[in-house]
PDB file of N, CA and C in Angstrom:
ATOM      1  N   MET A   1       0.764  -0.649   0.378  1.00  0.00           N
ATOM      2  CA  MET A   1       0.096  -0.137  -0.245  1.00  0.00           C
ATOM      3  C   MET A   1       1.285   1.535   0.150  1.00  0.00           C
ATOM      4  N   ILE A   2       0.438   2.408  -0.675  1.00  0.00           N
ATOM      5  CA  ILE A   2       1.597   3.487  -0.952  1.00  0.00           C
ATOM      6  C   ILE A   2       0.599   4.988  -0.185  1.00  0.00           C
ATOM      7  N   LYS A   3       1.319   5.652   0.377  1.00  0.00           N
ATOM      8  CA  LYS A   3       0.857   6.385   0.769  1.00  0.00           C
ATOM      9  C   LYS A   3       0.914   8.137   0.629  1.00  0.00           C
ATOM     10  N   ALA A   4       0.342   8.615   0.675  1.00  0.00           N
ATOM     11  CA  ALA A   4       0.744   9.847  -0.254  1.00  0.00           C
ATOM     12  C   ALA A   4      -0.271  10.739   0.901  1.00  0.00           C
ATOM     13  N   TYR A   5       0.598  12.360   1.213  1.00  0.00           N
ATOM     14  CA  TYR A   5      -0.301  12.964   1.727  1.00  0.00           C
ATOM     15  C   TYR A   5      -0.274  14.391   0.856  1.00  0.00           C
ATOM     16  N   ILE A   6      -1.647  15.071   0.732  1.00  0.00           N
ATOM     17  CA  ILE A   6      -1.958  15.955   0.046  1.00  0.00           C
ATOM     18  C   ILE A   6      -2.373  17.308   0.333  1.00  0.00           C
ATOM     19  N   LEU A   7      -1.346  18.273   0.160  1.00  0.00           N
ATOM     20  CA  LEU A   7      -1.093  19.586   1.438  1.00  0.00           C
ATOM     21  C   LEU A   7      -2.471  20.240   0.049  1.00  0.00           C
ATOM     22  N   ILE A   8      -3.242  21.031   0.813  1.00  0.00           N
ATOM     23  CA  ILE A   8      -3.881  21.850  -0.212  1.00  0.00           C
ATOM     24  C   ILE A   8      -4.200  23.287   0.282  1.00  0.00           C
ATOM     25  N   VAL A   9      -4.190  23.941  -0.790  1.00  0.00           N
ATOM     26  CA  VAL A   9      -4.732  25.119  -0.380  1.00  0.00           C
ATOM     27  C   VAL A   9      -5.910  25.529  -1.144  1.00  0.00           C
ATOM     28  N   ALA A  10      -6.774  26.056   0.108  1.00  0.00           N
ATOM     29  CA  ALA A  10      -8.353  26.330  -0.633  1.00  0.00           C
ATOM     30  C   ALA A  10      -8.822  28.072  -1.021  1.00  0.00           C
ATOM     31  N   ASN A  11      -8.920  28.504  -1.739  1.00  0.00           N
ATOM     32  CA  ASN A  11      -9.512  29.354  -2.101  1.00  0.00           C
ATOM     33  C   ASN A  11     -10.035  30.016  -0.732  1.00  0.00           C
ATOM     34  N   PRO A  12      -9.885  31.733  -0.372  1.00  0.00           N
ATOM     35  CA  PRO A  12     -10.732  32.345   0.627  1.00  0.00           C
ATOM     36  C   PRO A  12     -11.815  31.749   0.816  1.00  0.00           C
ATOM     37  N   GLY A  13     -12.441  31.171   2.278  1.00  0.00           N
ATOM     38  CA  GLY A  13     -13.810  31.423   2.554  1.00  0.00           C
ATOM     39  C   GLY A  13     -14.299  29.801   2.164  1.00  0.00           C
ATOM     40  N   GLU A  14     -13.949  29.005   1.091  1.00  0.00           N
ATOM     41  CA  GLU A  14     -14.237  27.510   1.003  1.00  0.00           C
ATOM     42  C   GLU A  14     -13.422  25.772   1.523  1.00  0.00           C
ATOM     43  N   THR A  15     -12.572  26.646   2.095  1.00  0.00           N
ATOM     44  CA  THR A  15     -12.076  25.789   3.387  1.00  0.00           C
ATOM     45  C   THR A  15     -13.098  24.426   3.650  1.00  0.00           C
ATOM     46  N   LYS A  16     -13.900  24.937   4.133  1.00  0.00           N
ATOM     47  CA  LYS A  16     -15.003  23.838   4.072  1.00  0.00           C
ATOM     48  C   LYS A  16     -15.850  23.145   3.386  1.00  0.00           C
ATOM     49  N   THR A  17     -15.512  23.868   1.773  1.00  0.00           N
ATOM     50  CA  THR A  17     -16.504  23.048   1.161  1.00  0.00           C
ATOM     51  C   THR A  17     -15.986  21.948   0.720  1.00  0.00           C
ATOM     52  N   VAL A  18     -14.240  22.471   0.320  1.00  0.00           N
ATOM     53  CA  VAL A  18     -13.532  21.685  -0.561  1.00  0.00           C
ATOM     54  C   VAL A  18     -13.390  19.996   0.338  1.00  0.00           C
ATOM     55  N   PHE A  19     -12.530  20.751   1.626  1.00  0.00           N
ATOM     56  CA  PHE A  19     -12.864  19.388   2.941  1.00  0.00           C
ATOM     57  C   PHE A  19     -13.879  17.982   3.217  1.00  0.00           C
ATOM     58  N   ASP A  20     -15.543  19.277   2.747  1.00  0.00           N
ATOM     59  CA  ASP A  20     -16.522  17.453   2.778  1.00  0.00           C
ATOM     60  C   ASP A  20     -16.604  17.429   0.954  1.00  0.00           C
ATOM     61  N   SER A  21     -16.127  18.293   0.338  1.00  0.00           N
ATOM     62  CA  SER A  21     -15.897  17.368  -1.218  1.00  0.00           C
ATOM     63  C   SER A  21     -14.605  16.237  -0.703  1.00  0.00           C
ATOM     64  N   LEU A  22     -13.760  16.396  -0.246  1.00  0.00           N
ATOM     65  CA  LEU A  22     -13.048  15.227  -0.532  1.00  0.00           C
ATOM     66  C   LEU A  22     -13.221  13.850   0.352  1.00  0.00           C
ATOM     67  N   GLN A  23     -14.083  14.341   0.978  1.00  0.00           N
ATOM     68  CA  GLN A  23     -15.005  13.209   1.754  1.00  0.00           C
ATOM     69  C   GLN A  23     -15.414  12.050   0.532  1.00  0.00           C
ATOM     70  N   ASN A  24     -15.329  12.250  -0.425  1.00  0.00           N
ATOM     71  CA  ASN A  24     -16.176  11.622  -1.160  1.00  0.00           C
ATOM     72  C   ASN A  24     -15.565  11.317  -2.376  1.00  0.00           C
ATOM     73  N   VAL A  25     -14.072  11.548  -2.428  1.00  0.00           N
ATOM     74  CA  VAL A  25     -12.480  11.107  -3.236  1.00  0.00           C
ATOM     75  C   VAL A  25     -12.600   9.531  -2.848  1.00  0.00           C
ATOM     76  N   LYS A  26     -11.807   8.435  -3.911  1.00  0.00           N
ATOM     77  CA  LYS A  26     -12.113   7.146  -3.702  1.00  0.00           C
ATOM     78  C   LYS A  26     -10.417   7.580  -3.455  1.00  0.00           C
ATOM     79  N   GLY A  27      -9.984   6.123  -2.788  1.00  0.00           N
ATOM     80  CA  GLY A  27      -8.566   6.571  -2.108  1.00  0.00           C
ATOM     81  C   GLY A  27      -8.412   7.684  -1.461  1.00  0.00           C
ATOM     82  N   VAL A  28      -8.689   9.002  -0.660  1.00  0.00           N
ATOM     83  CA  VAL A  28      -8.720   9.287   0.302  1.00  0.00           C
ATOM     84  C   VAL A  28      -9.360   9.377   2.166  1.00  0.00           C
ATOM     85  N   THR A  29      -9.157   8.968   2.222  1.00  0.00           N
ATOM     86  CA  THR A  29      -8.256   8.398   3.954  1.00  0.00           C
ATOM     87  C   THR A  29      -8.954   8.926   5.040  1.00  0.00           C
ATOM     88  N   GLN A  30      -8.613  10.209   5.197  1.00  0.00           N
ATOM     89  CA  GLN A  30      -8.548  10.834   5.529  1.00  0.00           C
ATOM     90  C   GLN A  30      -8.458  12.415   5.335  1.00  0.00           C
ATOM     91  N   ALA A  31      -8.765  13.350   6.190  1.00  0.00           N
ATOM     92  CA  ALA A  31      -8.814  14.498   5.628  1.00  0.00           C
ATOM     93  C   ALA A  31      -8.510  15.519   7.089  1.00  0.00           C
ATOM     94  N   PHE A  32      -7.705  16.631   7.190  1.00  0.00           N
ATOM     95  CA  PHE A  32      -7.705  17.549   8.719  1.00  0.00           C
ATOM     96  C   PHE A  32      -7.830  19.242   7.717  1.00  0.00           C
ATOM     97  N   GLN A  33      -8.420  19.970   8.594  1.00  0.00           N
ATOM     98  CA  GLN A  33      -8.414  21.106   8.223  1.00  0.00           C
ATOM     99  C   GLN A  33      -7.604  21.541   9.038  1.00  0.00           C
ATOM    100  N   VAL A  34      -6.678  21.996   8.703  1.00  0.00           N
ATOM    101  CA  VAL A  34      -5.673  23.031   9.142  1.00  0.00           C
ATOM    102  C   VAL A  34      -5.105  24.445   9.119  1.00  0.00           C
ATOM    103  N   MET A  35      -4.089  24.434  10.246  1.00  0.00           N
ATOM    104  CA  MET A  35      -3.522  25.543  10.560  1.00  0.00           C
ATOM    105  C   MET A  35      -2.000  26.283   9.895  1.00  0.00           C
ATOM    106  N   GLY A  36      -1.983  26.907   9.299  1.00  0.00           N
ATOM    107  CA  GLY A  36      -0.784  27.464   8.527  1.00  0.00           C
ATOM    108  C   GLY A  36      -0.522  27.863   6.604  1.00  0.00           C
ATOM    109  N   PRO A  37      -0.055  27.764   6.322  1.00  0.00           N
ATOM    110  CA  PRO A  37       0.159  28.170   5.211  1.00  0.00           C
ATOM    111  C   PRO A  37      -0.579  27.207   3.983  1.00  0.00           C
ATOM    112  N   TYR A  38      -0.984  25.898   4.355  1.00  0.00           N
ATOM    113  CA  TYR A  38      -2.068  25.243   3.942  1.00  0.00           C
ATOM    114  C   TYR A  38      -3.423  25.113   4.764  1.00  0.00           C
ATOM    115  N   ASP A  39      -3.913  24.668   4.039  1.00  0.00           N
ATOM    116  CA  ASP A  39      -5.487  25.246   5.008  1.00  0.00           C
ATOM    117  C   ASP A  39      -5.908  23.383   5.535  1.00  0.00           C
ATOM    118  N   ILE A  40      -5.565  22.358   4.565  1.00  0.00           N
ATOM    119  CA  ILE A  40      -6.533  21.107   4.922  1.00  0.00           C
ATOM    120  C   ILE A  40      -5.192  20.212   3.853  1.00  0.00           C
ATOM    121  N   VAL A  41      -4.761  19.291   4.957  1.00  0.00           N
ATOM    122  CA  VAL A  41      -4.115  18.193   4.272  1.00  0.00           C
ATOM    123  C   VAL A  41      -4.840  16.650   4.690  1.00  0.00           C
ATOM    124  N   ALA A  42      -5.108  16.218   3.334  1.00  0.00           N
ATOM    125  CA  ALA A  42      -5.606  14.535   3.278  1.00  0.00           C
ATOM    126  C   ALA A  42      -4.551  14.043   3.083  1.00  0.00           C
ATOM    127  N   GLU A  43      -5.141  12.395   3.667  1.00  0.00           N
ATOM    128  CA  GLU A  43      -4.291  11.221   3.090  1.00  0.00           C
ATOM    129  C   GLU A  43      -4.915  10.109   2.098  1.00  0.00           C
ATOM    130  N   ILE A  44      -4.038   9.561   1.574  1.00  0.00           N
ATOM    131  CA  ILE A  44      -4.668   8.980   0.477  1.00  0.00           C
ATOM    132  C   ILE A  44      -4.226   7.902   0.263  1.00  0.00           C
ATOM    133  N   GLU A  45      -4.498   6.486   0.049  1.00  0.00           N
ATOM    134  CA  GLU A  45      -3.305   5.513   0.524  1.00  0.00           C
ATOM    135  C   GLU A  45      -4.339   4.806  -1.018  1.00  0.00           C
ATOM    136  N   VAL A  46      -3.542   3.905  -1.899  1.00  0.00           N
ATOM    137  CA  VAL A  46      -3.103   2.827  -2.909  1.00  0.00           C
ATOM    138  C   VAL A  46      -2.418   1.864  -3.169  1.00  0.00           C
ATOM    139  N   GLU A  47      -2.785   1.079  -4.315  1.00  0.00           N
ATOM    140  CA  GLU A  47      -2.139  -0.370  -4.828  1.00  0.00           C
ATOM    141  C   GLU A  47      -1.291   0.590  -5.099  1.00  0.00           C
ATOM    142  N   ASP A  48      -0.692   1.041  -5.633  1.00  0.00           N
ATOM    143  CA  ASP A  48       0.380   1.631  -6.865  1.00  0.00           C
ATOM    144  C   ASP A  48       0.087   2.415  -6.812  1.00  0.00           C
ATOM    145  N   LEU A  49       1.483   2.992  -7.159  1.00  0.00           N
ATOM    146  CA  LEU A  49       1.839   5.068  -7.401  1.00  0.00           C
ATOM    147  C   LEU A  49       0.934   5.531  -8.091  1.00  0.00           C
ATOM    148  N   ALA A  50       1.112   4.741  -9.666  1.00  0.00           N
ATOM    149  CA  ALA A  50       0.647   5.088 -10.827  1.00  0.00           C
ATOM    150  C   ALA A  50      -0.824   5.665 -10.959  1.00  0.00           C
ATOM    151  N   ASP A  51      -1.433   5.336  -9.498  1.00  0.00           N
ATOM    152  CA  ASP A  51      -2.651   5.532  -8.825  1.00  0.00           C
ATOM    153  C   ASP A  51      -3.198   6.749  -8.650  1.00  0.00           C
ATOM    154  N   ILE A  52      -1.780   7.059  -8.808  1.00  0.00           N
ATOM    155  CA  ILE A  52      -1.676   9.043  -7.345  1.00  0.00           C
ATOM    156  C   ILE A  52      -2.064   9.786  -8.750  1.00  0.00           C
ATOM    157  N   PRO A  53      -1.641  10.417  -9.768  1.00  0.00           N
ATOM    158  CA  PRO A  53      -1.728  11.285 -10.357  1.00  0.00           C
ATOM    159  C   PRO A  53      -3.139  11.339 -10.738  1.00  0.00           C
ATOM    160  N   PRO A  54      -3.939  10.676 -11.347  1.00  0.00           N
ATOM    161  CA  PRO A  54      -5.549  10.432 -11.136  1.00  0.00           C
ATOM    162  C   PRO A  54      -6.357  11.634 -10.870  1.00  0.00           C
ATOM    163  N   ILE A  55      -5.774  10.882  -9.271  1.00  0.00           N
ATOM    164  CA  ILE A  55      -6.505  10.589  -7.967  1.00  0.00           C
ATOM    165  C   ILE A  55      -6.668  12.615  -8.150  1.00  0.00           C
ATOM    166  N   LEU A  56      -5.329  12.917  -7.837  1.00  0.00           N
ATOM    167  CA  LEU A  56      -4.819  14.129  -8.142  1.00  0.00           C
ATOM    168  C   LEU A  56      -5.646  14.938  -8.906  1.00  0.00           C
ATOM    169  N   SER A  57      -5.385  14.781 -10.272  1.00  0.00           N
ATOM    170  CA  SER A  57      -6.088  15.882 -11.274  1.00  0.00           C
ATOM    171  C   SER A  57      -7.168  15.559 -11.975  1.00  0.00           C
ATOM    172  N   GLU A  58      -7.928  15.007 -11.341  1.00  0.00           N
ATOM    173  CA  GLU A  58      -9.590  14.171 -11.639  1.00  0.00           C
ATOM    174  C   GLU A  58     -10.284  14.515 -10.545  1.00  0.00           C
ATOM    175  N   HIS A  59      -9.596  13.903  -9.546  1.00  0.00           N
ATOM    176  CA  HIS A  59     -10.912  14.553  -8.088  1.00  0.00           C
ATOM    177  C   HIS A  59     -10.118  15.242  -7.644  1.00  0.00           C
ATOM    178  N   ILE A  60      -9.833  15.763  -6.947  1.00  0.00           N
ATOM    179  CA  ILE A  60      -8.787  16.921  -6.311  1.00  0.00           C
ATOM    180  C   ILE A  60      -8.996  17.943  -6.720  1.00  0.00           C
ATOM    181  N   ARG A  61      -8.175  18.155  -7.719  1.00  0.00           N
ATOM    182  CA  ARG A  61      -7.450  19.102  -8.176  1.00  0.00           C
ATOM    183  C   ARG A  61      -8.981  20.186  -8.932  1.00  0.00           C
ATOM    184  N   THR A  62     -10.098  19.239  -9.167  1.00  0.00           N
ATOM    185  CA  THR A  62     -11.127  19.883 -10.068  1.00  0.00           C
ATOM    186  C   THR A  62     -12.310  19.842  -9.352  1.00  0.00           C
ATOM    187  N   ILE A  63     -11.770  19.925  -7.656  1.00  0.00           N
ATOM    188  CA  ILE A  63     -12.592  20.598  -6.739  1.00  0.00           C
ATOM    189  C   ILE A  63     -12.972  21.775  -6.763  1.00  0.00           C
ATOM    190  N   ASN A  64     -14.302  22.640  -7.166  1.00  0.00           N
ATOM    191  CA  ASN A  64     -13.977  24.241  -6.970  1.00  0.00           C
ATOM    192  C   ASN A  64     -13.847  25.048  -5.684  1.00  0.00           C
ATOM    193  N   GLY A  65     -12.938  25.590  -5.524  1.00  0.00           N
ATOM    194  CA  GLY A  65     -12.311  25.780  -4.321  1.00  0.00           C
ATOM    195  C   GLY A  65     -11.016  25.278  -3.776  1.00  0.00           C
ATOM    196  N   VAL A  66     -10.311  25.024  -4.902  1.00  0.00           N
ATOM    197  CA  VAL A  66      -9.056  24.107  -4.750  1.00  0.00           C
ATOM    198  C   VAL A  66      -7.713  25.127  -5.157  1.00  0.00           C
ATOM    199  N   GLU A  67      -6.975  25.770  -4.648  1.00  0.00           N
ATOM    200  CA  GLU A  67      -6.484  26.536  -5.732  1.00  0.00           C
ATOM    201  C   GLU A  67      -5.422  25.829  -5.147  1.00  0.00           C
ATOM    202  N   ASN A  68      -4.250  25.372  -5.241  1.00  0.00           N
ATOM    203  CA  ASN A  68      -2.732  24.772  -5.162  1.00  0.00           C
ATOM    204  C   ASN A  68      -2.889  23.667  -4.564  1.00  0.00           C
ATOM    205  N   THR A  69      -1.959  22.150  -4.863  1.00  0.00           N
ATOM    206  CA  THR A  69      -2.075  21.340  -3.961  1.00  0.00           C
ATOM    207  C   THR A  69      -0.228  20.863  -4.124  1.00  0.00           C
ATOM    208  N   THR A  70       0.500  19.947  -2.838  1.00  0.00           N
ATOM    209  CA  THR A  70       1.490  19.677  -2.796  1.00  0.00           C
ATOM    210  C   THR A  70       1.390  18.681  -2.173  1.00  0.00           C
ATOM    211  N   SER A  71       2.086  17.308  -3.439  1.00  0.00           N
ATOM    212  CA  SER A  71       1.611  15.651  -2.834  1.00  0.00           C
ATOM    213  C   SER A  71       2.907  15.595  -2.416  1.00  0.00           C
ATOM    214  N   LEU A  72       3.518  14.638  -1.022  1.00  0.00           N
ATOM    215  CA  LEU A  72       3.733  13.850  -0.864  1.00  0.00           C
ATOM    216  C   LEU A  72       3.523  12.544  -0.406  1.00  0.00           C
ATOM    217  N   VAL A  73       4.910  11.477  -1.190  1.00  0.00           N
ATOM    218  CA  VAL A  73       4.636   9.924  -1.100  1.00  0.00           C
ATOM    219  C   VAL A  73       5.787   9.879  -0.240  1.00  0.00           C
ATOM    220  N   THR A  74       5.371   8.683   0.282  1.00  0.00           N
ATOM    221  CA  THR A  74       5.556   8.322   1.463  1.00  0.00           C
ATOM    222  C   THR A  74       6.440   7.327   0.366  1.00  0.00           C
ATOM    223  N   PHE A  75       7.671   6.957   1.394  1.00  0.00           N
ATOM    224  CA  PHE A  75       8.539   5.365   1.199  1.00  0.00           C
ATOM    225  C   PHE A  75       7.700   4.062   1.000  1.00  0.00           C
ATOM    226  N   PRO A  76       7.792   3.272   0.452  1.00  0.00           N
ATOM    227  CA  PRO A  76       7.471   1.776   0.591  1.00  0.00           C
ATOM    228  C   PRO A  76       7.245   1.317   1.906  1.00  0.00           C
ATOM    229  N   GLU A  77       6.495   1.275   3.024  1.00  0.00           N
ATOM    230  CA  GLU A  77       6.186   0.079   4.429  1.00  0.00           C
ATOM    231  C   GLU A  77       7.631  -0.928   3.891  1.00  0.00           C
TER     232      GLU A  77
END
């Protein structure tokens, strides 16, 4: 299992909407609203590294209110 943490910057006033939308994204196992330079941290678990880009490009970055994302992929366990 491959894990990645997606650091999300939301447009002002849209953090809660983005957070709620993440709950319906396949592969997202957890999401947290945070303080600092990012607004949300989402955890993704997938079987293969190649599964991460489609989740990002088709399901997370397309959520209304997502301004920017940074991806942190963990080393295999």
